[in-house]
Amino acid sequence: MGKSKTRILRKGIQNQLQKLTREDALCEVAKFLNTNDYNSAKNLITMFGLQPDEILEAGASYESVVAIKNIFV
């Protein structure tokens, strides 16, 4: 791969990862769970290592957190 393609790929990856903090991830997970988008929520939960109590405090419903309790170990 040429220098230009490598530089473009690295720039794109860095731009995406710098914009998401743990607090932003909590808000996004709560939003995903409240709209029943479990796959996106699971991805963020495993990426950031979020705990159920943190997600509940962020505004997710109790039922949605209990529905995915198998990924919290």
N, C-alpha and C. Protein backbone atom coordinates (compact mmCIF):
# COMPACT_ATOMS: atom_id res chain seq x y z
N MET A 1 0.86 -1.17 0.00
CA MET A 1 0.00 0.00 0.00
C MET A 1 0.90 1.23 0.00
N GLY A 2 0.53 2.21 -0.77
CA GLY A 2 1.32 3.41 -0.87
C GLY A 2 1.22 4.31 0.35
N LYS A 3 2.11 5.29 0.40
CA LYS A 3 2.14 6.20 1.55
C LYS A 3 0.85 6.99 1.68
N SER A 4 0.31 7.40 0.57
CA SER A 4 -0.91 8.21 0.61
C SER A 4 -2.10 7.43 1.18
N LYS A 5 -2.28 6.21 0.72
CA LYS A 5 -3.40 5.40 1.22
C LYS A 5 -3.25 5.11 2.70
N THR A 6 -2.04 4.81 3.13
CA THR A 6 -1.79 4.54 4.54
C THR A 6 -2.11 5.76 5.39
N ARG A 7 -1.68 6.92 4.94
CA ARG A 7 -1.92 8.16 5.67
C ARG A 7 -3.41 8.47 5.74
N ILE A 8 -4.13 8.25 4.66
CA ILE A 8 -5.57 8.51 4.64
C ILE A 8 -6.30 7.57 5.59
N LEU A 9 -5.93 6.29 5.59
CA LEU A 9 -6.57 5.33 6.48
C LEU A 9 -6.31 5.67 7.94
N ARG A 10 -5.06 6.00 8.28
CA ARG A 10 -4.74 6.36 9.66
C ARG A 10 -5.49 7.62 10.10
N LYS A 11 -5.59 8.57 9.21
CA LYS A 11 -6.29 9.81 9.54
C LYS A 11 -7.77 9.51 9.80
N GLY A 12 -8.39 8.67 9.00
CA GLY A 12 -9.79 8.33 9.19
C GLY A 12 -10.03 7.60 10.49
N ILE A 13 -9.15 6.67 10.84
CA ILE A 13 -9.30 5.91 12.08
C ILE A 13 -9.14 6.83 13.27
N GLN A 14 -8.16 7.70 13.25
CA GLN A 14 -7.92 8.61 14.37
C GLN A 14 -9.06 9.60 14.54
N ASN A 15 -9.64 10.07 13.46
CA ASN A 15 -10.75 11.01 13.55
C ASN A 15 -11.97 10.37 14.20
N GLN A 16 -12.23 9.12 13.94
CA GLN A 16 -13.39 8.46 14.50
C GLN A 16 -13.20 8.16 15.98
N LEU A 17 -12.03 7.71 16.38
CA LEU A 17 -11.82 7.28 17.76
C LEU A 17 -11.64 8.43 18.72
N GLN A 18 -11.20 9.58 18.29
CA GLN A 18 -10.98 10.70 19.18
C GLN A 18 -12.28 11.36 19.62
N LYS A 19 -13.34 11.17 18.91
CA LYS A 19 -14.58 11.89 19.19
C LYS A 19 -15.48 11.18 20.18
N LEU A 20 -15.20 9.95 20.56
CA LEU A 20 -16.09 9.19 21.43
C LEU A 20 -15.44 8.99 22.79
N THR A 21 -15.99 9.63 23.81
CA THR A 21 -15.50 9.46 25.17
C THR A 21 -16.37 8.44 25.88
N ARG A 22 -15.98 8.08 27.09
CA ARG A 22 -16.74 7.11 27.86
C ARG A 22 -18.13 7.65 28.19
N GLU A 23 -18.22 8.93 28.51
CA GLU A 23 -19.51 9.55 28.82
C GLU A 23 -20.41 9.57 27.60
N ASP A 24 -19.84 9.86 26.45
CA ASP A 24 -20.61 9.83 25.21
C ASP A 24 -21.09 8.42 24.90
N ALA A 25 -20.22 7.44 25.17
CA ALA A 25 -20.60 6.05 24.93
C ALA A 25 -21.76 5.63 25.83
N LEU A 26 -21.75 6.08 27.09
CA LEU A 26 -22.86 5.78 28.00
C LEU A 26 -24.17 6.33 27.48
N CYS A 27 -24.15 7.56 27.02
CA CYS A 27 -25.37 8.17 26.48
C CYS A 27 -25.85 7.44 25.23
N GLU A 28 -24.91 7.07 24.37
CA GLU A 28 -25.28 6.35 23.15
C GLU A 28 -25.85 4.97 23.47
N VAL A 29 -25.26 4.27 24.44
CA VAL A 29 -25.76 2.95 24.81
C VAL A 29 -27.18 3.06 25.36
N ALA A 30 -27.42 4.05 26.23
CA ALA A 30 -28.77 4.24 26.78
C ALA A 30 -29.76 4.52 25.65
N LYS A 31 -29.36 5.32 24.68
CA LYS A 31 -30.24 5.63 23.56
C LYS A 31 -30.51 4.38 22.72
N PHE A 32 -29.45 3.60 22.45
CA PHE A 32 -29.61 2.38 21.67
C PHE A 32 -30.53 1.39 22.38
N LEU A 33 -30.35 1.23 23.68
CA LEU A 33 -31.16 0.27 24.42
C LEU A 33 -32.62 0.70 24.48
N ASN A 34 -32.88 1.98 24.61
CA ASN A 34 -34.26 2.46 24.67
C ASN A 34 -34.97 2.34 23.32
N THR A 35 -34.19 2.26 22.23
CA THR A 35 -34.79 2.09 20.90
C THR A 35 -34.65 0.65 20.39
N ASN A 36 -34.24 -0.27 21.29
CA ASN A 36 -34.12 -1.70 20.98
C ASN A 36 -33.08 -2.01 19.91
N ASP A 37 -32.01 -1.22 19.84
CA ASP A 37 -30.89 -1.50 18.94
C ASP A 37 -29.79 -2.19 19.75
N TYR A 38 -29.99 -3.48 20.01
CA TYR A 38 -29.12 -4.21 20.94
C TYR A 38 -27.73 -4.48 20.37
N ASN A 39 -27.60 -4.66 19.08
CA ASN A 39 -26.29 -4.95 18.49
C ASN A 39 -25.34 -3.77 18.65
N SER A 40 -25.79 -2.57 18.37
CA SER A 40 -24.94 -1.40 18.52
C SER A 40 -24.61 -1.17 19.99
N ALA A 41 -25.57 -1.40 20.85
CA ALA A 41 -25.33 -1.23 22.29
C ALA A 41 -24.29 -2.23 22.78
N LYS A 42 -24.40 -3.48 22.35
CA LYS A 42 -23.45 -4.50 22.78
C LYS A 42 -22.04 -4.16 22.33
N ASN A 43 -21.90 -3.63 21.13
CA ASN A 43 -20.58 -3.25 20.63
C ASN A 43 -19.93 -2.20 21.52
N LEU A 44 -20.68 -1.18 21.88
CA LEU A 44 -20.12 -0.13 22.72
C LEU A 44 -19.87 -0.62 24.15
N ILE A 45 -20.74 -1.47 24.65
CA ILE A 45 -20.57 -1.99 26.01
C ILE A 45 -19.28 -2.79 26.11
N THR A 46 -19.04 -3.65 25.15
CA THR A 46 -17.83 -4.45 25.19
C THR A 46 -16.58 -3.63 24.89
N MET A 47 -16.69 -2.62 24.06
CA MET A 47 -15.54 -1.78 23.74
C MET A 47 -15.08 -0.98 24.95
N PHE A 48 -16.02 -0.41 25.69
CA PHE A 48 -15.67 0.45 26.81
C PHE A 48 -15.74 -0.27 28.16
N GLY A 49 -16.22 -1.49 28.21
CA GLY A 49 -16.32 -2.22 29.46
C GLY A 49 -17.32 -1.59 30.42
N LEU A 50 -18.47 -1.22 29.91
CA LEU A 50 -19.48 -0.54 30.72
C LEU A 50 -20.19 -1.52 31.64
N GLN A 51 -20.61 -1.02 32.80
CA GLN A 51 -21.31 -1.83 33.79
C GLN A 51 -22.79 -1.48 33.78
N PRO A 52 -23.64 -2.40 34.23
CA PRO A 52 -25.09 -2.15 34.20
C PRO A 52 -25.53 -0.94 35.01
N ASP A 53 -24.90 -0.71 36.17
CA ASP A 53 -25.31 0.44 36.98
C ASP A 53 -24.99 1.76 36.30
N GLU A 54 -23.89 1.80 35.56
CA GLU A 54 -23.55 3.01 34.81
C GLU A 54 -24.58 3.28 33.71
N ILE A 55 -25.00 2.23 33.05
CA ILE A 55 -25.96 2.37 31.96
C ILE A 55 -27.32 2.81 32.49
N LEU A 56 -27.71 2.26 33.64
CA LEU A 56 -28.97 2.67 34.24
C LEU A 56 -28.94 4.13 34.66
N GLU A 57 -27.82 4.59 35.19
CA GLU A 57 -27.69 5.99 35.57
C GLU A 57 -27.71 6.92 34.36
N ALA A 58 -27.29 6.40 33.21
CA ALA A 58 -27.28 7.20 32.00
C ALA A 58 -28.67 7.37 31.39
N GLY A 59 -29.65 6.57 31.88
CA GLY A 59 -31.01 6.76 31.40
C GLY A 59 -31.63 5.60 30.68
N ALA A 60 -30.97 4.47 30.66
CA ALA A 60 -31.56 3.29 30.01
C ALA A 60 -32.64 2.69 30.90
N SER A 61 -33.61 2.06 30.30
CA SER A 61 -34.67 1.44 31.08
C SER A 61 -34.15 0.14 31.71
N TYR A 62 -34.71 -0.20 32.85
CA TYR A 62 -34.29 -1.38 33.57
C TYR A 62 -34.52 -2.65 32.76
N GLU A 63 -35.63 -2.72 32.08
CA GLU A 63 -35.97 -3.90 31.29
C GLU A 63 -34.98 -4.14 30.16
N SER A 64 -34.53 -3.07 29.53
CA SER A 64 -33.59 -3.23 28.42
C SER A 64 -32.22 -3.69 28.93
N VAL A 65 -31.83 -3.25 30.11
CA VAL A 65 -30.55 -3.69 30.67
C VAL A 65 -30.64 -5.15 31.10
N VAL A 66 -31.75 -5.55 31.68
CA VAL A 66 -31.94 -6.94 32.08
C VAL A 66 -31.97 -7.84 30.84
N ALA A 67 -32.47 -7.34 29.73
CA ALA A 67 -32.56 -8.16 28.51
C ALA A 67 -31.18 -8.53 27.98
N ILE A 68 -30.17 -7.74 28.26
CA ILE A 68 -28.82 -8.06 27.76
C ILE A 68 -27.88 -8.43 28.91
N LYS A 69 -28.42 -8.91 30.00
CA LYS A 69 -27.58 -9.22 31.17
C LYS A 69 -26.54 -10.28 30.91
N ASN A 70 -26.69 -11.08 29.88
CA ASN A 70 -25.74 -12.14 29.60
C ASN A 70 -24.38 -11.63 29.12
N ILE A 71 -24.26 -10.38 28.67
CA ILE A 71 -22.96 -9.88 28.24
C ILE A 71 -22.19 -9.24 29.38
N PHE A 72 -22.84 -9.01 30.51
CA PHE A 72 -22.15 -8.45 31.68
C PHE A 72 -21.60 -9.58 32.52
N VAL A 73 -20.30 -9.69 32.57
CA VAL A 73 -19.68 -10.78 33.36
C VAL A 73 -18.76 -10.18 34.39
